[in-house]
Protein backbone atom coordinates (compact mmCIF):
# COMPACT_ATOMS: atom_id res chain seq x y z
CA UNK A 1 63.85 -50.42 -39.58
CA UNK A 2 63.41 -48.58 -36.26
CA UNK A 3 66.63 -46.55 -36.35
CA UNK A 4 66.00 -45.53 -39.97
CA UNK A 5 62.48 -44.47 -39.06
CA UNK A 6 63.72 -42.35 -36.18
CA UNK A 7 66.42 -40.81 -38.41
CA UNK A 8 63.85 -39.99 -41.11
CA UNK A 9 61.52 -38.45 -38.52
CA UNK A 10 64.35 -36.36 -37.08
CA UNK A 11 65.19 -35.13 -40.54
CA UNK A 12 61.55 -34.23 -41.18
CA UNK A 13 61.39 -32.35 -37.87
CA UNK A 14 64.59 -30.46 -38.75
CA UNK A 15 63.12 -29.53 -42.16
CA UNK A 16 59.96 -28.19 -40.53
CA UNK A 17 61.97 -25.30 -39.06
CA UNK A 18 61.92 -23.69 -42.48
CA UNK A 19 58.23 -24.06 -43.13
CA UNK A 20 55.43 -21.57 -42.53
CA UNK A 21 54.47 -21.89 -38.87
CA UNK A 22 50.71 -22.08 -39.36
CA UNK A 23 50.95 -25.12 -41.56
CA UNK A 24 53.11 -27.28 -39.26
CA UNK A 25 52.46 -28.42 -35.72
CA UNK A 26 56.15 -29.24 -35.41
CA UNK A 27 57.09 -25.71 -36.48
CA UNK A 28 54.63 -24.26 -33.94
CA UNK A 29 56.28 -26.33 -31.21
CA UNK A 30 59.75 -25.27 -32.25
CA UNK A 31 58.72 -21.61 -32.49
CA UNK A 32 57.28 -21.83 -28.95
CA UNK A 33 60.75 -22.67 -27.62
CA UNK A 34 62.47 -25.37 -25.71
CA UNK A 35 60.36 -24.95 -22.57
CA UNK A 36 57.17 -25.67 -24.48
CA UNK A 37 58.83 -28.63 -26.22
CA UNK A 38 59.97 -30.01 -22.90
CA UNK A 39 56.53 -29.66 -21.39
CA UNK A 40 54.99 -31.53 -24.31
CA UNK A 41 57.58 -34.24 -23.99
CA UNK A 42 56.87 -34.57 -20.26
CA UNK A 43 53.11 -34.73 -20.93
CA UNK A 44 53.54 -37.49 -23.47
CA UNK A 45 55.96 -39.40 -21.24
CA UNK A 46 53.40 -39.30 -18.43
CA UNK A 47 50.66 -40.53 -20.81
CA UNK A 48 53.03 -43.36 -21.80
CA UNK A 49 53.48 -44.39 -18.16
CA UNK A 50 49.72 -44.36 -17.62
CA UNK A 51 49.22 -46.48 -20.73
CA UNK A 52 51.92 -48.89 -19.61
CA UNK A 53 50.28 -49.60 -16.26
CA UNK A 54 46.59 -49.38 -17.03
CA UNK A 55 45.78 -49.48 -20.75
CA UNK A 56 46.10 -51.78 -23.75
CA UNK A 57 49.23 -52.61 -25.67
CA UNK A 58 47.82 -50.58 -28.58
CA UNK A 59 47.42 -47.54 -26.30
CA UNK A 60 50.94 -47.99 -25.00
CA UNK A 61 52.32 -48.31 -28.51
CA UNK A 62 50.53 -45.10 -29.66
CA UNK A 63 51.71 -43.16 -26.59
CA UNK A 64 55.26 -44.43 -27.02
CA UNK A 65 55.21 -43.16 -30.62
CA UNK A 66 53.99 -39.77 -29.41
CA UNK A 67 56.75 -39.69 -26.77
CA UNK A 68 59.43 -40.48 -29.34
CA UNK A 69 58.16 -37.74 -31.63
CA UNK A 70 58.17 -35.17 -28.89
CA UNK A 71 61.64 -36.26 -27.69
CA UNK A 72 62.91 -35.65 -31.23
CA UNK A 73 61.23 -32.22 -31.33
CA UNK A 74 62.80 -31.40 -27.94
CA UNK A 75 66.26 -32.46 -29.21
CA UNK A 76 65.78 -30.31 -32.33
CA UNK A 77 64.76 -27.36 -30.20
CA UNK A 78 68.15 -27.55 -28.50
CA UNK A 79 70.11 -28.40 -31.68
CA UNK A 80 71.03 -31.88 -30.47
CA UNK A 81 71.40 -34.35 -33.34
CA UNK A 82 69.85 -37.77 -33.05
CA UNK A 83 73.14 -39.21 -34.28
CA UNK A 84 74.78 -37.74 -31.13
CA UNK A 85 72.25 -39.60 -28.95
CA UNK A 86 72.92 -42.78 -30.91
CA UNK A 87 76.65 -42.27 -30.40
CA UNK A 88 76.20 -42.12 -26.64
CA UNK A 89 74.02 -45.26 -26.70
CA UNK A 90 76.61 -47.04 -28.87
CA UNK A 91 79.37 -46.08 -26.44
CA UNK A 92 77.34 -47.52 -23.57
CA UNK A 93 76.74 -50.88 -25.35
CA UNK A 94 78.48 -53.72 -23.65
CA UNK A 95 78.63 -51.88 -20.34
CA UNK A 96 76.42 -52.91 -17.45
CA UNK A 97 73.72 -50.34 -16.82
CA UNK A 98 74.67 -50.33 -13.17
CA UNK A 99 78.37 -49.76 -13.96
CA UNK A 100 77.48 -47.04 -16.48
CA UNK A 101 75.25 -45.20 -13.97
CA UNK A 102 77.94 -45.50 -11.27
CA UNK A 103 80.50 -43.93 -13.64
CA UNK A 104 78.24 -40.87 -13.85
CA UNK A 105 77.77 -40.72 -10.09
CA UNK A 106 74.07 -41.57 -10.27
CA UNK A 107 72.17 -44.13 -8.17
């Protein structure tokens, strides 16, 4: 269910590009550019962290949903398909997270 929901949301976000800006928050974000989309994503990610450490599970769940939405808007602003993200995750499956990070030169 989750993957299909994300795919459907990504498709809806992509479709919003063609709508009249004033009628769609998503379109307004996309029209504002990648920098605005990135700032909104960062804001929502910070709110998710705060909810994780000091708020209820319901608050964390709501903030996580907002974060996922804003991540999808950010990806759309750069023309990155969700399927491409899934492909990277699929490729990483079965590899230790530590090994995968080491292969990218990250600590």
